[in-house]
Amino acid sequence: MKDESVINSQAKIDDFKTELSLRPKYFSEYVGQTKVKQTLSIAIKASKKRKEPLDHVLLYGPPGLGKTTLANVISNEMGTDIKVTSGPAIEKAGDLVSILTRLKKHDILFIDEIHRLNKISEEVLYSAMEEYRVSWIIDEGLKSRSVNLGIQPFTLIGATTKYGNLSPPLRDRFGSIFRLDFYSNTEMTEILHRSSQIFKIKTEKKGLSQIAIRSRKTPRIGNRLLRRVRDYSEVKSDGSISLKIVLSALEQLEVDEIGLDKIDLDYLKSLILKFGGGPVGLDTLSASISEDPSTVEDVIEPFLLNLGFISRTNRGRMATSLTFQHLNIEEEPKQKNLI
């Protein structure tokens, strides 16, 4: 595994408290995802009017786009408590039953990485979501018996980066399903301006815009870059963020003009120089840059796909003409014919 990238969109433990301070609490503070917010706002108002729990919500999309933040916003807008867990943290059905039976009326249960729930725990959710009842088997063999318990009406919010990995029975039980999209440069600039005000950083608009452009259209990455540029400015200058400071800091961080970092460039160069632009399988390509295939698929590739730099085919990964142009590498005629 290579050194961790500063623009890795996965959450880091040392950034957790900082991210909490930056998270918007209500839709009025939440920038971007306009259609999602509008639809959810109507659903929330209708649920409150009927005095019913909100329909179960599934949020999916690449990491760092605000799924956890949006779950907390929904909780605040509903005026209910939220309990947070994750698929990997629920090791057995009893863990999930313990959580569900402690929920109060209209509480929200947020399960991150819900695609990683084991099958038995997932099946516990079926009756919980539809009938507000949990059923599970305890003991084994002749001593086994079924236990049924009623629970309070609640809302499940699931989040996943792997929508296709969810089983149809679970996926179909969600009343609302939303894909979170990458953010525009304008939205990213607005997010960074809000964050700079919270951090009390003096900024120039051109400086913030440049960070936004290099943030991979992802708020988590943008806020992380903002903090790293602030650190650089506090050591090298007066702590303010100007265009000159931003360009110098991002050059040191090895983040290029469109937001690609060393790991992205290693991926693209390996795809072209080692494998002739593809097609090449995920496992082979990942091994060539010493990265885990899941990291490549979930963290590195979504932004490259969004840029149009790579394509996923049934034969494997392939570089597009845009990649050759960005790396200033001459494209062989055969590559143009393959894509």
Protein backbone atom coordinates (compact mmCIF):
# COMPACT_ATOMS: atom_id res chain seq x y z
CA MET A 1 0.00 0.00 0.00
CA LYS A 2 1.31 3.42 -0.95
CA ASP A 3 1.30 6.46 1.33
CA GLU A 4 -2.26 7.64 1.81
CA SER A 5 -3.35 10.35 -0.57
CA VAL A 6 -4.35 13.76 0.76
CA ILE A 7 -7.31 13.65 -1.62
CA ASN A 8 -8.49 10.18 -0.69
CA SER A 9 -12.25 10.55 -0.27
CA GLN A 10 -12.46 8.05 2.58
CA ALA A 11 -12.89 9.51 6.07
CA LYS A 12 -9.82 9.67 8.31
CA ILE A 13 -9.99 9.31 12.09
CA ASP A 14 -8.00 12.49 12.73
CA ASP A 15 -10.40 14.48 10.52
CA PHE A 16 -13.58 13.20 12.16
CA LYS A 17 -14.09 15.96 14.75
CA THR A 18 -13.25 18.63 12.20
CA GLU A 19 -15.74 17.21 9.71
CA LEU A 20 -18.45 17.22 12.37
CA SER A 21 -17.92 20.94 12.93
CA LEU A 22 -18.30 21.63 9.20
CA ARG A 23 -21.42 19.56 8.59
CA PRO A 24 -24.59 21.55 7.86
CA LYS A 25 -27.49 20.84 10.18
CA TYR A 26 -30.45 21.81 7.97
CA PHE A 27 -31.34 21.86 4.27
CA SER A 28 -30.92 25.64 4.24
CA GLU A 29 -27.21 25.15 5.02
CA TYR A 30 -26.68 22.11 2.76
CA VAL A 31 -25.14 23.09 -0.58
CA GLY A 32 -25.82 21.02 -3.70
CA GLN A 33 -27.95 17.90 -4.36
CA THR A 34 -30.86 20.24 -5.10
CA LYS A 35 -33.35 17.67 -6.44
CA VAL A 36 -32.63 15.29 -3.57
CA LYS A 37 -33.21 18.06 -1.03
CA GLN A 38 -36.45 19.16 -2.68
CA THR A 39 -37.88 15.64 -2.76
CA LEU A 40 -36.83 14.89 0.80
CA SER A 41 -38.17 18.21 2.07
CA ILE A 42 -41.64 17.44 0.70
CA ALA A 43 -41.55 13.91 2.13
CA ILE A 44 -40.48 15.19 5.55
CA LYS A 45 -43.19 17.85 5.69
CA ALA A 46 -45.83 15.29 4.67
CA SER A 47 -44.63 12.79 7.29
CA LYS A 48 -44.67 15.40 10.04
CA LYS A 49 -48.14 16.51 8.98
CA ARG A 50 -49.40 12.93 9.23
CA LYS A 51 -47.39 12.36 12.41
CA GLU A 52 -45.80 9.28 10.84
CA PRO A 53 -42.20 8.19 10.47
CA LEU A 54 -40.49 9.10 7.22
CA ASP A 55 -40.36 6.32 4.63
CA HIS A 56 -37.08 4.39 4.69
CA VAL A 57 -34.36 6.16 2.68
CA LEU A 58 -31.42 4.72 0.73
CA LEU A 59 -28.53 7.03 -0.23
CA TYR A 60 -25.85 5.83 -2.63
CA GLY A 61 -22.90 7.23 -4.52
CA PRO A 62 -19.11 7.60 -4.27
CA PRO A 63 -17.56 8.28 -0.84
CA GLY A 64 -17.29 11.82 0.48
CA LEU A 65 -20.40 13.29 -1.16
CA GLY A 66 -22.37 13.84 2.06
CA LYS A 67 -24.48 10.73 2.70
CA THR A 68 -23.82 10.75 6.46
CA THR A 69 -24.30 14.51 6.58
CA LEU A 70 -27.62 14.24 4.76
CA ALA A 71 -28.81 11.55 7.19
CA ASN A 72 -28.14 13.91 10.10
CA VAL A 73 -29.88 16.76 8.27
CA ILE A 74 -32.96 14.56 7.80
CA SER A 75 -32.92 13.81 11.53
CA ASN A 76 -32.75 17.50 12.40
CA GLU A 77 -35.50 18.40 9.92
CA MET A 78 -37.72 15.64 11.33
CA GLY A 79 -36.92 16.67 14.91
CA THR A 80 -36.01 13.11 15.87
CA ASP A 81 -32.99 11.34 17.33
CA ILE A 82 -30.60 9.43 15.10
CA LYS A 83 -28.67 6.29 15.97
CA VAL A 84 -25.59 5.65 13.84
CA THR A 85 -23.92 2.35 13.03
CA SER A 86 -22.41 0.55 10.04
CA GLY A 87 -22.73 -2.78 8.27
CA PRO A 88 -19.33 -4.11 9.43
CA ALA A 89 -20.07 -3.13 13.05
CA ILE A 90 -23.13 -5.39 13.15
CA GLU A 91 -21.43 -8.77 13.49
CA LYS A 92 -24.50 -10.83 14.38
CA ALA A 93 -28.27 -10.53 14.29
CA GLY A 94 -28.42 -9.98 18.05
CA ASP A 95 -26.41 -6.77 17.67
CA LEU A 96 -29.01 -5.38 15.28
CA VAL A 97 -31.94 -6.56 17.39
CA SER A 98 -30.43 -4.78 20.40
CA ILE A 99 -30.26 -1.52 18.43
CA LEU A 100 -33.77 -1.84 16.97
CA THR A 101 -35.46 -2.62 20.29
CA ARG A 102 -33.94 0.49 21.89
CA LEU A 103 -35.25 2.89 19.26
CA LYS A 104 -37.86 5.40 20.37
CA LYS A 105 -40.92 6.30 18.34
CA HIS A 106 -39.99 7.87 14.98
CA ASP A 107 -36.24 7.62 15.65
CA ILE A 108 -33.88 7.31 12.69
CA LEU A 109 -31.44 4.42 12.37
CA PHE A 110 -28.55 5.21 10.02
CA ILE A 111 -26.55 2.23 8.71
CA ASP A 112 -23.47 3.21 6.74
CA GLU A 113 -21.99 0.65 4.34
CA ILE A 114 -25.29 -1.19 4.51
CA HIS A 115 -24.17 -3.43 1.65
CA ARG A 116 -21.77 -5.09 4.11
CA LEU A 117 -24.52 -6.40 6.42
CA ASN A 118 -24.37 -10.16 6.78
CA LYS A 119 -27.34 -12.10 5.40
CA ILE A 120 -28.89 -13.03 8.76
CA SER A 121 -28.80 -9.43 10.01
CA GLU A 122 -30.23 -8.25 6.72
CA GLU A 123 -33.17 -10.64 7.07
CA VAL A 124 -33.89 -9.21 10.53
CA LEU A 125 -34.37 -5.85 8.83
CA TYR A 126 -37.10 -7.13 6.51
CA SER A 127 -39.83 -7.45 9.14
CA ALA A 128 -38.47 -4.47 11.05
CA MET A 129 -38.83 -2.21 8.02
CA GLU A 130 -42.24 -3.50 6.91
CA GLU A 131 -44.03 -4.47 10.13
CA TYR A 132 -41.99 -2.81 12.90
CA ARG A 133 -41.30 -6.26 14.29
CA VAL A 134 -38.10 -8.24 14.71
CA SER A 135 -37.91 -12.00 14.37
CA TRP A 136 -34.81 -14.13 14.80
CA ILE A 137 -33.72 -17.59 15.78
CA ILE A 138 -31.80 -18.19 19.02
CA ASP A 139 -29.87 -21.31 19.98
CA GLU A 140 -29.24 -24.17 17.57
CA GLY A 141 -30.51 -27.65 16.80
CA LEU A 142 -33.28 -29.02 19.02
CA LYS A 143 -32.98 -26.05 21.37
CA SER A 144 -33.54 -23.45 18.65
CA ARG A 145 -36.61 -21.26 18.90
CA SER A 146 -38.03 -18.22 17.18
CA VAL A 147 -38.35 -14.92 19.04
CA ASN A 148 -40.69 -12.13 17.89
CA LEU A 149 -40.70 -8.64 19.34
CA GLY A 150 -42.60 -5.51 18.39
CA ILE A 151 -40.56 -2.31 17.99
CA GLN A 152 -41.37 1.37 17.71
CA PRO A 153 -42.10 2.84 14.25
CA PHE A 154 -38.79 4.15 12.90
CA THR A 155 -37.01 5.26 9.74
CA LEU A 156 -34.04 3.38 8.34
CA ILE A 157 -31.53 5.40 6.34
CA GLY A 158 -29.01 3.23 4.55
CA ALA A 159 -25.88 4.49 2.81
CA THR A 160 -23.72 2.63 0.33
CA THR A 161 -21.03 3.13 -2.26
CA LYS A 162 -22.00 -0.19 -3.87
CA TYR A 163 -25.65 0.04 -4.84
CA GLY A 164 -25.36 -3.02 -7.06
CA ASN A 165 -24.23 -5.15 -4.11
CA LEU A 166 -27.52 -4.71 -2.26
CA SER A 167 -29.86 -7.66 -2.48
CA PRO A 168 -33.19 -6.93 -4.25
CA PRO A 169 -35.29 -7.84 -1.15
CA LEU A 170 -33.48 -5.20 0.92
CA ARG A 171 -33.31 -2.59 -1.82
CA ASP A 172 -37.02 -2.90 -2.60
CA ARG A 173 -38.01 -2.16 1.00
CA PHE A 174 -36.75 1.43 0.80
CA GLY A 175 -39.47 3.96 0.02
CA SER A 176 -37.04 6.55 -1.34
CA ILE A 177 -33.76 5.89 -3.16
CA PHE A 178 -31.38 8.73 -4.04
CA ARG A 179 -28.07 8.84 -5.86
CA LEU A 180 -25.79 11.66 -4.69
CA ASP A 181 -23.97 13.28 -7.60
CA PHE A 182 -20.59 14.97 -7.80
CA TYR A 183 -20.68 18.71 -7.04
CA SER A 184 -20.10 21.53 -9.50
CA ASN A 185 -17.13 23.88 -9.10
CA THR A 186 -19.56 26.65 -8.10
CA GLU A 187 -21.08 24.47 -5.38
CA MET A 188 -17.64 23.42 -4.17
CA THR A 189 -16.55 27.06 -3.93
CA GLU A 190 -19.66 27.85 -1.87
CA ILE A 191 -18.96 24.89 0.45
CA LEU A 192 -15.34 25.99 0.91
CA HIS A 193 -16.39 29.58 1.59
CA ARG A 194 -18.71 28.36 4.36
CA SER A 195 -15.93 26.19 5.80
CA SER A 196 -13.42 29.04 5.72
CA GLN A 197 -15.86 31.20 7.69
CA ILE A 198 -16.20 28.45 10.33
CA PHE A 199 -12.40 28.13 10.47
CA LYS A 200 -12.10 31.95 10.49
CA ILE A 201 -9.63 31.89 7.59
CA LYS A 202 -9.04 35.01 5.49
CA THR A 203 -9.49 33.94 1.88
CA GLU A 204 -9.41 35.26 -1.66
CA LYS A 205 -12.13 34.15 -4.06
CA LYS A 206 -9.58 33.07 -6.69
CA GLY A 207 -7.77 30.98 -4.10
CA LEU A 208 -10.95 29.19 -2.98
CA SER A 209 -11.97 28.65 -6.60
CA GLN A 210 -8.66 26.96 -7.33
CA ILE A 211 -9.09 24.61 -4.36
CA ALA A 212 -12.63 23.87 -5.56
CA ILE A 213 -11.40 22.96 -9.05
CA ARG A 214 -8.90 20.49 -7.55
CA SER A 215 -11.27 18.93 -5.01
CA ARG A 216 -12.53 16.11 -7.25
CA LYS A 217 -16.04 17.59 -6.95
CA THR A 218 -16.17 16.10 -3.43
CA PRO A 219 -16.80 18.15 -0.25
CA ARG A 220 -14.76 15.88 2.04
CA ILE A 221 -11.72 16.29 -0.20
CA GLY A 222 -12.30 20.03 -0.60
CA ASN A 223 -12.42 20.61 3.14
CA ARG A 224 -9.32 18.47 3.63
CA LEU A 225 -7.39 20.46 1.01
CA LEU A 226 -8.58 23.70 2.61
CA ARG A 227 -7.06 22.61 5.92
CA ARG A 228 -3.78 21.56 4.31
CA VAL A 229 -3.51 24.89 2.43
CA ARG A 230 -4.26 26.72 5.70
CA ASP A 231 -1.43 24.80 7.40
CA TYR A 232 0.92 25.67 4.55
CA SER A 233 -0.02 29.36 4.74
CA GLU A 234 0.44 29.51 8.51
CA VAL A 235 4.01 28.22 8.11
CA LYS A 236 5.00 29.94 4.87
CA SER A 237 2.93 33.14 5.05
CA ASP A 238 0.38 34.95 7.21
CA GLY A 239 -2.30 32.25 7.42
CA SER A 240 -4.53 33.73 4.72
CA ILE A 241 -5.40 31.84 1.55
CA SER A 242 -4.44 33.63 -1.65
CA LEU A 243 -4.18 32.20 -5.15
CA LYS A 244 -0.38 32.24 -4.91
CA ILE A 245 -0.44 30.30 -1.62
CA VAL A 246 -2.96 27.79 -2.99
CA LEU A 247 -0.88 27.07 -6.09
CA SER A 248 2.30 26.60 -4.04
CA ALA A 249 0.61 24.40 -1.43
CA LEU A 250 -1.11 22.15 -3.97
CA GLU A 251 2.10 21.77 -5.93
CA GLN A 252 3.79 20.51 -2.76
CA LEU A 253 0.84 18.18 -2.14
CA GLU A 254 1.20 16.87 -5.71
CA VAL A 255 -2.37 17.69 -6.67
CA ASP A 256 -2.52 18.68 -10.33
CA GLU A 257 -4.65 21.30 -12.06
CA ILE A 258 -7.76 19.10 -12.30
CA GLY A 259 -7.46 17.38 -8.91
CA LEU A 260 -5.49 14.26 -9.77
CA ASP A 261 -2.83 13.23 -7.26
CA LYS A 262 0.11 10.83 -7.39
CA ILE A 263 -2.02 7.70 -6.94
CA ASP A 264 -4.39 8.73 -9.75
CA LEU A 265 -1.46 9.44 -12.05
CA ASP A 266 0.21 6.15 -11.11
CA TYR A 267 -3.04 4.40 -12.05
CA LEU A 268 -3.33 6.17 -15.41
CA LYS A 269 0.36 5.78 -16.29
CA SER A 270 0.26 2.10 -15.39
CA LEU A 271 -2.85 1.62 -17.53
CA ILE A 272 -1.13 3.21 -20.53
CA LEU A 273 2.57 2.41 -20.17
CA LYS A 274 2.30 -1.12 -18.72
CA PHE A 275 -0.88 -2.30 -20.40
CA GLY A 276 -1.01 -0.25 -23.59
CA GLY A 277 -4.14 1.62 -22.51
CA GLY A 278 -6.05 -1.58 -21.79
CA PRO A 279 -8.18 -3.51 -21.65
CA VAL A 280 -6.82 -4.85 -18.35
CA GLY A 281 -8.57 -6.49 -15.40
CA LEU A 282 -9.16 -4.69 -12.11
CA ASP A 283 -7.06 -7.10 -10.03
CA THR A 284 -4.10 -6.92 -12.41
CA LEU A 285 -4.21 -3.14 -12.64
CA SER A 286 -4.56 -2.77 -8.85
CA ALA A 287 -1.59 -5.07 -8.23
CA SER A 288 0.53 -3.00 -10.62
CA ILE A 289 0.16 0.06 -8.37
CA SER A 290 0.11 -1.88 -5.06
CA GLU A 291 -3.44 -0.87 -4.20
CA ASP A 292 -6.38 -2.95 -2.98
CA PRO A 293 -8.94 -3.56 -5.77
CA SER A 294 -11.79 -2.23 -3.62
CA THR A 295 -9.87 1.03 -3.05
CA VAL A 296 -9.25 1.36 -6.77
CA GLU A 297 -12.87 0.64 -7.64
CA ASP A 298 -14.53 2.75 -4.93
CA VAL A 299 -12.09 5.64 -4.43
CA ILE A 300 -9.86 6.14 -7.47
CA GLU A 301 -12.04 5.19 -10.41
CA PRO A 302 -15.32 7.09 -9.81
CA PHE A 303 -13.71 10.50 -10.42
CA LEU A 304 -11.72 9.23 -13.40
CA LEU A 305 -14.94 7.86 -14.88
CA ASN A 306 -16.65 11.19 -14.25
CA LEU A 307 -13.83 12.97 -16.09
CA GLY A 308 -14.14 10.54 -18.98
CA PHE A 309 -10.52 9.40 -18.54
CA ILE A 310 -11.30 5.68 -18.32
CA SER A 311 -14.01 3.27 -19.35
CA ARG A 312 -15.09 -0.01 -17.79
CA THR A 313 -15.78 -2.67 -20.38
CA ASN A 314 -16.50 -6.38 -20.20
CA ARG A 315 -12.87 -6.88 -21.25
CA GLY A 316 -11.48 -4.67 -18.47
CA ARG A 317 -10.38 -1.08 -17.81
CA MET A 318 -9.40 1.11 -20.76
CA ALA A 319 -7.87 4.57 -21.07
CA THR A 320 -9.69 7.09 -23.25
CA SER A 321 -8.17 9.70 -25.55
CA LEU A 322 -8.60 12.29 -22.78
CA THR A 323 -6.10 10.39 -20.61
CA PHE A 324 -3.47 10.37 -23.34
CA GLN A 325 -4.01 14.11 -23.87
CA HIS A 326 -3.77 14.92 -20.15
CA LEU A 327 -0.56 12.91 -19.72
CA ASN A 328 0.82 14.25 -23.01
CA ILE A 329 1.38 10.72 -24.32
CA GLU A 330 0.85 9.96 -27.99
CA GLU A 331 -2.06 7.59 -28.52
CA GLU A 332 -1.47 4.64 -30.80
CA PRO A 333 -4.07 4.15 -33.57
CA LYS A 334 -5.15 0.77 -32.18
CA GLN A 335 -6.34 2.41 -28.96
CA LYS A 336 -8.70 4.69 -30.84
CA ASN A 337 -10.21 1.67 -32.56
CA LEU A 338 -10.76 -0.24 -29.31
CA ILE A 339 -12.63 2.46 -27.36
